[in-house]
PDB file of N, CA and C in Angstrom:
ATOM      1  N   MET A   1     -49.167  32.855 116.065  1.00  0.00           N
ATOM      2  CA  MET A   1     -49.998  32.313 116.598  1.00  0.00           C
ATOM      3  C   MET A   1     -48.616  31.412 117.785  1.00  0.00           C
ATOM      4  N   ALA A   2     -48.277  31.329 118.670  1.00  0.00           N
ATOM      5  CA  ALA A   2     -47.908  29.717 119.291  1.00  0.00           C
ATOM      6  C   ALA A   2     -48.989  29.199 119.713  1.00  0.00           C
ATOM      7  N   ASN A   3     -48.475  27.497 119.603  1.00  0.00           N
ATOM      8  CA  ASN A   3     -49.291  27.046 120.045  1.00  0.00           C
ATOM      9  C   ASN A   3     -48.216  26.000 121.599  1.00  0.00           C
ATOM     10  N   ILE A   4     -49.262  26.366 123.101  1.00  0.00           N
ATOM     11  CA  ILE A   4     -47.967  26.108 123.808  1.00  0.00           C
ATOM     12  C   ILE A   4     -48.741  25.072 124.471  1.00  0.00           C
ATOM     13  N   THR A   5     -48.210  23.427 124.433  1.00  0.00           N
ATOM     14  CA  THR A   5     -48.726  22.532 125.263  1.00  0.00           C
ATOM     15  C   THR A   5     -48.399  21.875 126.533  1.00  0.00           C
ATOM     16  N   GLU A   6     -47.914  21.031 127.318  1.00  0.00           N
ATOM     17  CA  GLU A   6     -47.641  20.404 127.757  1.00  0.00           C
ATOM     18  C   GLU A   6     -46.316  20.118 127.613  1.00  0.00           C
ATOM     19  N   SER A   7     -46.155  19.241 126.312  1.00  0.00           N
ATOM     20  CA  SER A   7     -44.609  18.702 125.695  1.00  0.00           C
ATOM     21  C   SER A   7     -43.454  19.937 125.880  1.00  0.00           C
ATOM     22  N   ASP A   8     -44.462  21.485 126.007  1.00  0.00           N
ATOM     23  CA  ASP A   8     -42.885  22.679 126.368  1.00  0.00           C
ATOM     24  C   ASP A   8     -42.355  22.675 128.004  1.00  0.00           C
ATOM     25  N   GLU A   9     -43.209  21.593 128.788  1.00  0.00           N
ATOM     26  CA  GLU A   9     -42.294  21.906 129.907  1.00  0.00           C
ATOM     27  C   GLU A   9     -41.407  21.097 130.108  1.00  0.00           C
ATOM     28  N   GLY A  10     -40.122  22.018 130.412  1.00  0.00           N
ATOM     29  CA  GLY A  10     -38.689  21.939 130.874  1.00  0.00           C
ATOM     30  C   GLY A  10     -37.867  21.888 129.689  1.00  0.00           C
ATOM     31  N   LYS A  11     -38.410  23.479 128.681  1.00  0.00           N
ATOM     32  CA  LYS A  11     -37.669  23.909 127.652  1.00  0.00           C
ATOM     33  C   LYS A  11     -37.021  24.759 128.114  1.00  0.00           C
ATOM     34  N   SER A  12     -36.250  25.670 127.277  1.00  0.00           N
ATOM     35  CA  SER A  12     -35.416  26.936 127.888  1.00  0.00           C
ATOM     36  C   SER A  12     -35.770  27.440 127.782  1.00  0.00           C
ATOM     37  N   VAL A  13     -35.928  29.339 128.625  1.00  0.00           N
ATOM     38  CA  VAL A  13     -36.961  30.544 127.164  1.00  0.00           C
ATOM     39  C   VAL A  13     -35.445  31.394 127.021  1.00  0.00           C
ATOM     40  N   VAL A  14     -35.572  31.697 126.028  1.00  0.00           N
ATOM     41  CA  VAL A  14     -34.320  33.003 125.563  1.00  0.00           C
ATOM     42  C   VAL A  14     -34.536  34.146 125.149  1.00  0.00           C
ATOM     43  N   ARG A  15     -34.194  35.039 125.638  1.00  0.00           N
ATOM     44  CA  ARG A  15     -34.232  36.407 124.614  1.00  0.00           C
ATOM     45  C   ARG A  15     -32.768  36.806 124.710  1.00  0.00           C
ATOM     46  N   ASP A  16     -32.367  37.057 123.011  1.00  0.00           N
ATOM     47  CA  ASP A  16     -30.840  37.829 122.417  1.00  0.00           C
ATOM     48  C   ASP A  16     -30.490  36.892 122.892  1.00  0.00           C
ATOM     49  N   ASP A  17     -30.740  36.185 122.699  1.00  0.00           N
ATOM     50  CA  ASP A  17     -29.426  35.096 123.018  1.00  0.00           C
ATOM     51  C   ASP A  17     -29.190  34.648 124.845  1.00  0.00           C
ATOM     52  N   THR A  18     -29.406  35.039 125.228  1.00  0.00           N
ATOM     53  CA  THR A  18     -29.376  34.709 127.001  1.00  0.00           C
ATOM     54  C   THR A  18     -30.783  33.839 127.594  1.00  0.00           C
ATOM     55  N   THR A  19     -30.320  32.597 128.048  1.00  0.00           N
ATOM     56  CA  THR A  19     -31.616  32.419 128.604  1.00  0.00           C
ATOM     57  C   THR A  19     -31.931  32.852 129.517  1.00  0.00           C
ATOM     58  N   VAL A  20     -33.592  33.119 129.788  1.00  0.00           N
ATOM     59  CA  VAL A  20     -33.371  33.983 131.113  1.00  0.00           C
ATOM     60  C   VAL A  20     -34.628  32.467 131.948  1.00  0.00           C
ATOM     61  N   GLY A  21     -35.135  31.322 131.729  1.00  0.00           N
ATOM     62  CA  GLY A  21     -35.142  30.215 132.563  1.00  0.00           C
ATOM     63  C   GLY A  21     -36.099  29.599 132.205  1.00  0.00           C
ATOM     64  N   ILE A  22     -36.583  28.410 132.621  1.00  0.00           N
ATOM     65  CA  ILE A  22     -37.546  27.128 131.767  1.00  0.00           C
ATOM     66  C   ILE A  22     -38.569  27.625 132.095  1.00  0.00           C
ATOM     67  N   VAL A  23     -39.664  26.777 130.877  1.00  0.00           N
ATOM     68  CA  VAL A  23     -41.093  26.396 131.545  1.00  0.00           C
ATOM     69  C   VAL A  23     -41.213  25.723 132.300  1.00  0.00           C
ATOM     70  N   ALA A  24     -41.819  26.020 134.151  1.00  0.00           N
ATOM     71  CA  ALA A  24     -41.848  24.688 134.457  1.00  0.00           C
ATOM     72  C   ALA A  24     -43.396  24.059 134.646  1.00  0.00           C
ATOM     73  N   THR A  25     -44.152  24.738 133.575  1.00  0.00           N
ATOM     74  CA  THR A  25     -45.718  24.145 134.117  1.00  0.00           C
ATOM     75  C   THR A  25     -46.314  25.225 132.843  1.00  0.00           C
ATOM     76  N   VAL A  26     -46.810  24.376 132.306  1.00  0.00           N
ATOM     77  CA  VAL A  26     -47.895  24.612 130.753  1.00  0.00           C
ATOM     78  C   VAL A  26     -49.921  24.546 131.782  1.00  0.00           C
ATOM     79  N   GLU A  27     -50.115  25.436 132.133  1.00  0.00           N
ATOM     80  CA  GLU A  27     -52.015  25.342 131.905  1.00  0.00           C
ATOM     81  C   GLU A  27     -52.796  26.214 131.436  1.00  0.00           C
ATOM     82  N   HIS A  28     -53.431  25.244 130.873  1.00  0.00           N
ATOM     83  CA  HIS A  28     -54.866  25.993 129.655  1.00  0.00           C
ATOM     84  C   HIS A  28     -54.005  26.683 128.214  1.00  0.00           C
ATOM     85  N   GLY A  29     -52.260  26.447 128.110  1.00  0.00           N
ATOM     86  CA  GLY A  29     -52.217  26.582 126.660  1.00  0.00           C
ATOM     87  C   GLY A  29     -51.246  27.956 127.697  1.00  0.00           C
ATOM     88  N   THR A  30     -51.299  28.084 129.077  1.00  0.00           N
ATOM     89  CA  THR A  30     -50.016  29.287 129.234  1.00  0.00           C
ATOM     90  C   THR A  30     -48.717  28.744 129.583  1.00  0.00           C
ATOM     91  N   ALA A  31     -47.966  29.092 129.356  1.00  0.00           N
ATOM     92  CA  ALA A  31     -46.752  28.801 129.860  1.00  0.00           C
ATOM     93  C   ALA A  31     -46.041  29.385 131.426  1.00  0.00           C
ATOM     94  N   TYR A  32     -45.649  28.840 132.032  1.00  0.00           N
ATOM     95  CA  TYR A  32     -44.983  29.307 133.555  1.00  0.00           C
ATOM     96  C   TYR A  32     -43.607  28.944 133.584  1.00  0.00           C
ATOM     97  N   VAL A  33     -43.146  30.302 133.649  1.00  0.00           N
ATOM     98  CA  VAL A  33     -41.275  30.263 133.384  1.00  0.00           C
ATOM     99  C   VAL A  33     -40.962  30.274 134.955  1.00  0.00           C
ATOM    100  N   GLU A  34     -39.630  29.452 134.897  1.00  0.00           N
ATOM    101  CA  GLU A  34     -39.014  30.184 136.651  1.00  0.00           C
ATOM    102  C   GLU A  34     -37.317  30.666 135.909  1.00  0.00           C
ATOM    103  N   PRO A  35     -37.926  31.903 136.924  1.00  0.00           N
ATOM    104  CA  PRO A  35     -36.749  32.643 136.161  1.00  0.00           C
ATOM    105  C   PRO A  35     -34.631  31.513 136.728  1.00  0.00           C
ATOM    106  N   ASP A  36     -34.388  31.673 136.978  1.00  0.00           N
ATOM    107  CA  ASP A  36     -32.744  31.495 137.410  1.00  0.00           C
ATOM    108  C   ASP A  36     -33.020  29.966 137.878  1.00  0.00           C
ATOM    109  N   PRO A  37     -33.583  28.436 137.325  1.00  0.00           N
ATOM    110  CA  PRO A  37     -33.872  27.610 137.884  1.00  0.00           C
ATOM    111  C   PRO A  37     -33.263  27.532 138.342  1.00  0.00           C
ATOM    112  N   GLY A  38     -33.133  26.217 139.607  1.00  0.00           N
ATOM    113  CA  GLY A  38     -31.685  25.894 139.528  1.00  0.00           C
ATOM    114  C   GLY A  38     -32.135  23.944 139.572  1.00  0.00           C
ATOM    115  N   LEU A  39     -30.983  22.946 139.425  1.00  0.00           N
ATOM    116  CA  LEU A  39     -31.177  21.541 139.787  1.00  0.00           C
ATOM    117  C   LEU A  39     -32.430  20.962 139.687  1.00  0.00           C
ATOM    118  N   THR A  40     -33.283  21.957 140.447  1.00  0.00           N
ATOM    119  CA  THR A  40     -34.017  20.547 141.174  1.00  0.00           C
ATOM    120  C   THR A  40     -35.105  20.969 140.473  1.00  0.00           C
ATOM    121  N   ASP A  41     -35.633  23.001 140.201  1.00  0.00           N
ATOM    122  CA  ASP A  41     -36.605  23.257 139.103  1.00  0.00           C
ATOM    123  C   ASP A  41     -36.771  21.977 137.659  1.00  0.00           C
ATOM    124  N   LYS A  42     -35.284  22.371 137.565  1.00  0.00           N
ATOM    125  CA  LYS A  42     -34.764  21.637 135.989  1.00  0.00           C
ATOM    126  C   LYS A  42     -35.943  20.561 136.049  1.00  0.00           C
ATOM    127  N   LEU A  43     -35.517  19.393 136.639  1.00  0.00           N
ATOM    128  CA  LEU A  43     -35.917  18.360 136.636  1.00  0.00           C
ATOM    129  C   LEU A  43     -37.422  18.097 136.710  1.00  0.00           C
ATOM    130  N   LYS A  44     -37.933  19.276 137.759  1.00  0.00           N
ATOM    131  CA  LYS A  44     -39.355  18.864 138.150  1.00  0.00           C
ATOM    132  C   LYS A  44     -40.008  19.163 137.049  1.00  0.00           C
ATOM    133  N   ALA A  45     -39.666  19.976 135.913  1.00  0.00           N
ATOM    134  CA  ALA A  45     -40.137  20.790 135.204  1.00  0.00           C
ATOM    135  C   ALA A  45     -40.119  19.468 133.749  1.00  0.00           C
ATOM    136  N   GLN A  46     -38.572  18.914 133.812  1.00  0.00           N
ATOM    137  CA  GLN A  46     -38.873  18.085 132.571  1.00  0.00           C
ATOM    138  C   GLN A  46     -39.631  16.940 133.139  1.00  0.00           C
ATOM    139  N   LEU A  47     -40.034  16.736 134.448  1.00  0.00           N
ATOM    140  CA  LEU A  47     -40.955  15.513 134.493  1.00  0.00           C
ATOM    141  C   LEU A  47     -42.144  15.550 134.752  1.00  0.00           C
ATOM    142  N   GLY A  48     -42.618  17.130 134.378  1.00  0.00           N
ATOM    143  CA  GLY A  48     -44.108  17.985 135.055  1.00  0.00           C
ATOM    144  C   GLY A  48     -44.644  17.726 136.228  1.00  0.00           C
ATOM    145  N   TRP A  49     -43.220  18.345 137.255  1.00  0.00           N
ATOM    146  CA  TRP A  49     -43.940  17.636 138.419  1.00  0.00           C
ATOM    147  C   TRP A  49     -43.782  19.495 138.595  1.00  0.00           C
ATOM    148  N   GLY A  50     -43.788  20.250 137.550  1.00  0.00           N
ATOM    149  CA  GLY A  50     -43.678  21.987 138.042  1.00  0.00           C
ATOM    150  C   GLY A  50     -44.848  22.600 138.067  1.00  0.00           C
ATOM    151  N   ASP A  51     -45.012  23.703 139.369  1.00  0.00           N
ATOM    152  CA  ASP A  51     -46.290  24.890 139.189  1.00  0.00           C
ATOM    153  C   ASP A  51     -45.739  25.372 139.657  1.00  0.00           C
ATOM    154  N   VAL A  52     -47.473  26.509 139.550  1.00  0.00           N
ATOM    155  CA  VAL A  52     -47.005  27.833 139.650  1.00  0.00           C
ATOM    156  C   VAL A  52     -46.943  28.347 141.002  1.00  0.00           C
ATOM    157  N   ASP A  53     -46.367  29.431 141.448  1.00  0.00           N
ATOM    158  CA  ASP A  53     -46.005  29.429 142.640  1.00  0.00           C
ATOM    159  C   ASP A  53     -45.958  31.326 142.423  1.00  0.00           C
ATOM    160  N   GLU A  54     -44.960  31.718 143.823  1.00  0.00           N
ATOM    161  CA  GLU A  54     -44.637  33.328 143.737  1.00  0.00           C
ATOM    162  C   GLU A  54     -43.741  33.259 142.629  1.00  0.00           C
ATOM    163  N   GLU A  55     -42.492  32.196 142.226  1.00  0.00           N
ATOM    164  CA  GLU A  55     -41.146  32.238 141.261  1.00  0.00           C
ATOM    165  C   GLU A  55     -41.726  32.589 140.115  1.00  0.00           C
ATOM    166  N   THR A  56     -42.224  31.887 140.021  1.00  0.00           N
ATOM    167  CA  THR A  56     -43.136  32.144 138.010  1.00  0.00           C
ATOM    168  C   THR A  56     -44.288  32.724 137.290  1.00  0.00           C
ATOM    169  N   PHE A  57     -43.690  33.450 136.304  1.00  0.00           N
ATOM    170  CA  PHE A  57     -45.165  34.005 135.829  1.00  0.00           C
ATOM    171  C   PHE A  57     -44.952  33.411 134.209  1.00  0.00           C
ATOM    172  N   PRO A  58     -46.268  34.308 134.259  1.00  0.00           N
ATOM    173  CA  PRO A  58     -46.779  33.678 133.232  1.00  0.00           C
ATOM    174  C   PRO A  58     -46.413  33.782 131.445  1.00  0.00           C
ATOM    175  N   LEU A  59     -46.161  33.715 130.843  1.00  0.00           N
ATOM    176  CA  LEU A  59     -44.984  33.746 129.767  1.00  0.00           C
ATOM    177  C   LEU A  59     -46.237  34.065 128.379  1.00  0.00           C
ATOM    178  N   GLN A  60     -46.325  36.163 127.892  1.00  0.00           N
ATOM    179  CA  GLN A  60     -47.271  36.243 127.564  1.00  0.00           C
ATOM    180  C   GLN A  60     -46.940  36.161 125.747  1.00  0.00           C
ATOM    181  N   GLU A  61     -48.169  35.407 124.682  1.00  0.00           N
ATOM    182  CA  GLU A  61     -47.788  34.707 124.173  1.00  0.00           C
ATOM    183  C   GLU A  61     -47.330  35.795 122.625  1.00  0.00           C
ATOM    184  N   GLN A  62     -47.896  37.286 122.920  1.00  0.00           N
ATOM    185  CA  GLN A  62     -47.172  38.175 121.757  1.00  0.00           C
ATOM    186  C   GLN A  62     -45.834  38.174 122.344  1.00  0.00           C
ATOM    187  N   ASP A  63     -44.834  37.857 123.681  1.00  0.00           N
ATOM    188  CA  ASP A  63     -43.822  37.595 123.688  1.00  0.00           C
ATOM    189  C   ASP A  63     -43.329  36.495 122.860  1.00  0.00           C
ATOM    190  N   ILE A  64     -44.083  36.219 122.640  1.00  0.00           N
ATOM    191  CA  ILE A  64     -42.898  34.530 122.067  1.00  0.00           C
ATOM    192  C   ILE A  64     -42.943  34.931 120.494  1.00  0.00           C
ATOM    193  N   ALA A  65     -41.981  34.711 120.026  1.00  0.00           N
ATOM    194  CA  ALA A  65     -41.185  34.214 118.628  1.00  0.00           C
ATOM    195  C   ALA A  65     -41.900  32.914 118.286  1.00  0.00           C
ATOM    196  N   ASP A  66     -41.293  32.374 118.678  1.00  0.00           N
ATOM    197  CA  ASP A  66     -40.562  30.734 117.726  1.00  0.00           C
ATOM    198  C   ASP A  66     -40.387  30.045 118.858  1.00  0.00           C
ATOM    199  N   VAL A  67     -41.241  28.545 118.751  1.00  0.00           N
ATOM    200  CA  VAL A  67     -41.672  27.393 119.855  1.00  0.00           C
ATOM    201  C   VAL A  67     -40.187  26.026 118.411  1.00  0.00           C
ATOM    202  N   ARG A  68     -38.897  26.038 119.557  1.00  0.00           N
ATOM    203  CA  ARG A  68     -38.168  24.797 118.511  1.00  0.00           C
ATOM    204  C   ARG A  68     -38.306  23.912 118.956  1.00  0.00           C
ATOM    205  N   ASP A  69     -37.812  22.866 119.442  1.00  0.00           N
ATOM    206  CA  ASP A  69     -37.561  21.616 120.208  1.00  0.00           C
ATOM    207  C   ASP A  69     -36.878  21.535 121.019  1.00  0.00           C
ATOM    208  N   ASP A  70     -36.664  22.277 121.121  1.00  0.00           N
ATOM    209  CA  ASP A  70     -35.540  22.015 123.262  1.00  0.00           C
ATOM    210  C   ASP A  70     -35.425  23.929 123.724  1.00  0.00           C
ATOM    211  N   GLU A  71     -36.505  25.073 122.788  1.00  0.00           N
ATOM    212  CA  GLU A  71     -36.520  26.118 123.336  1.00  0.00           C
ATOM    213  C   GLU A  71     -37.238  26.723 123.051  1.00  0.00           C
ATOM    214  N   ILE A  72     -37.346  27.844 123.604  1.00  0.00           N
ATOM    215  CA  ILE A  72     -39.402  29.145 123.290  1.00  0.00           C
ATOM    216  C   ILE A  72     -38.156  29.812 123.026  1.00  0.00           C
ATOM    217  N   ARG A  73     -37.974  30.615 122.043  1.00  0.00           N
ATOM    218  CA  ARG A  73     -37.682  32.243 122.159  1.00  0.00           C
ATOM    219  C   ARG A  73     -38.313  33.281 121.542  1.00  0.00           C
ATOM    220  N   LEU A  74     -38.227  34.135 122.487  1.00  0.00           N
ATOM    221  CA  LEU A  74     -38.710  35.100 123.077  1.00  0.00           C
ATOM    222  C   LEU A  74     -37.970  36.200 122.134  1.00  0.00           C
ATOM    223  N   GLN A  75     -39.579  37.370 121.761  1.00  0.00           N
ATOM    224  CA  GLN A  75     -39.222  38.699 120.356  1.00  0.00           C
ATOM    225  C   GLN A  75     -38.365  39.419 121.288  1.00  0.00           C
ATOM    226  N   THR A  76     -37.117  39.808 120.386  1.00  0.00           N
ATOM    227  CA  THR A  76     -35.856  40.235 121.014  1.00  0.00           C
ATOM    228  C   THR A  76     -36.083  41.449 121.204  1.00  0.00           C
ATOM    229  N   THR A  77     -35.270  42.077 122.450  1.00  0.00           N
ATOM    230  CA  THR A  77     -35.946  43.336 122.753  1.00  0.00           C
ATOM    231  C   THR A  77     -35.365  44.502 121.302  1.00  0.00           C
ATOM    232  N   GLN A  78     -36.296  46.005 122.281  1.00  0.00           N
ATOM    233  CA  GLN A  78     -35.613  46.290 120.830  1.00  0.00           C
ATOM    234  C   GLN A  78     -35.451  47.976 121.608  1.00  0.00           C
ATOM    235  N   ARG A  79     -34.342  48.431 120.805  1.00  0.00           N
ATOM    236  CA  ARG A  79     -33.106  49.742 121.831  1.00  0.00           C
ATOM    237  C   ARG A  79     -34.059  51.039 121.401  1.00  0.00           C
ATOM    238  N   SER A  80     -34.378  51.663 122.370  1.00  0.00           N
ATOM    239  CA  SER A  80     -34.829  53.212 121.603  1.00  0.00           C
ATOM    240  C   SER A  80     -34.181  54.004 121.395  1.00  0.00           C
ATOM    241  N   SER A  81     -34.137  54.507 120.029  1.00  0.00           N
ATOM    242  CA  SER A  81     -33.114  55.349 120.122  1.00  0.00           C
ATOM    243  C   SER A  81     -33.954  56.581 120.290  1.00  0.00           C
ATOM    244  N   GLN A  82     -32.646  57.505 120.190  1.00  0.00           N
ATOM    245  CA  GLN A  82     -32.708  58.840 120.861  1.00  0.00           C
ATOM    246  C   GLN A  82     -32.047  59.847 120.478  1.00  0.00           C
ATOM    247  N   ASN A  83     -32.242  60.875 119.491  1.00  0.00           N
ATOM    248  CA  ASN A  83     -31.552  62.037 119.127  1.00  0.00           C
ATOM    249  C   ASN A  83     -31.103  62.869 119.840  1.00  0.00           C
ATOM    250  N   PRO A  84     -29.957  63.282 120.015  1.00  0.00           N
ATOM    251  CA  PRO A  84     -29.854  64.179 120.450  1.00  0.00           C
ATOM    252  C   PRO A  84     -29.767  65.275 120.806  1.00  0.00           C
TER     253      PRO A  84
END
């Protein structure tokens, strides 16, 4: 179980070694991710000025693999294999 707090604001969100966004804000233990943030968005998140808007999306707890000092790592994507 991931414990997301306000101290996680501004962290990169990474899946399969690709940065997919940053944590813009944390509300009631839910991280809201800003995909493909610009410099202004990154600074706002690091200063705790991020907010929830139409450009952010909630990060589901079951998607989180690990919370590290500088990033949140998501579960790796599963590729389905089909038999010919």
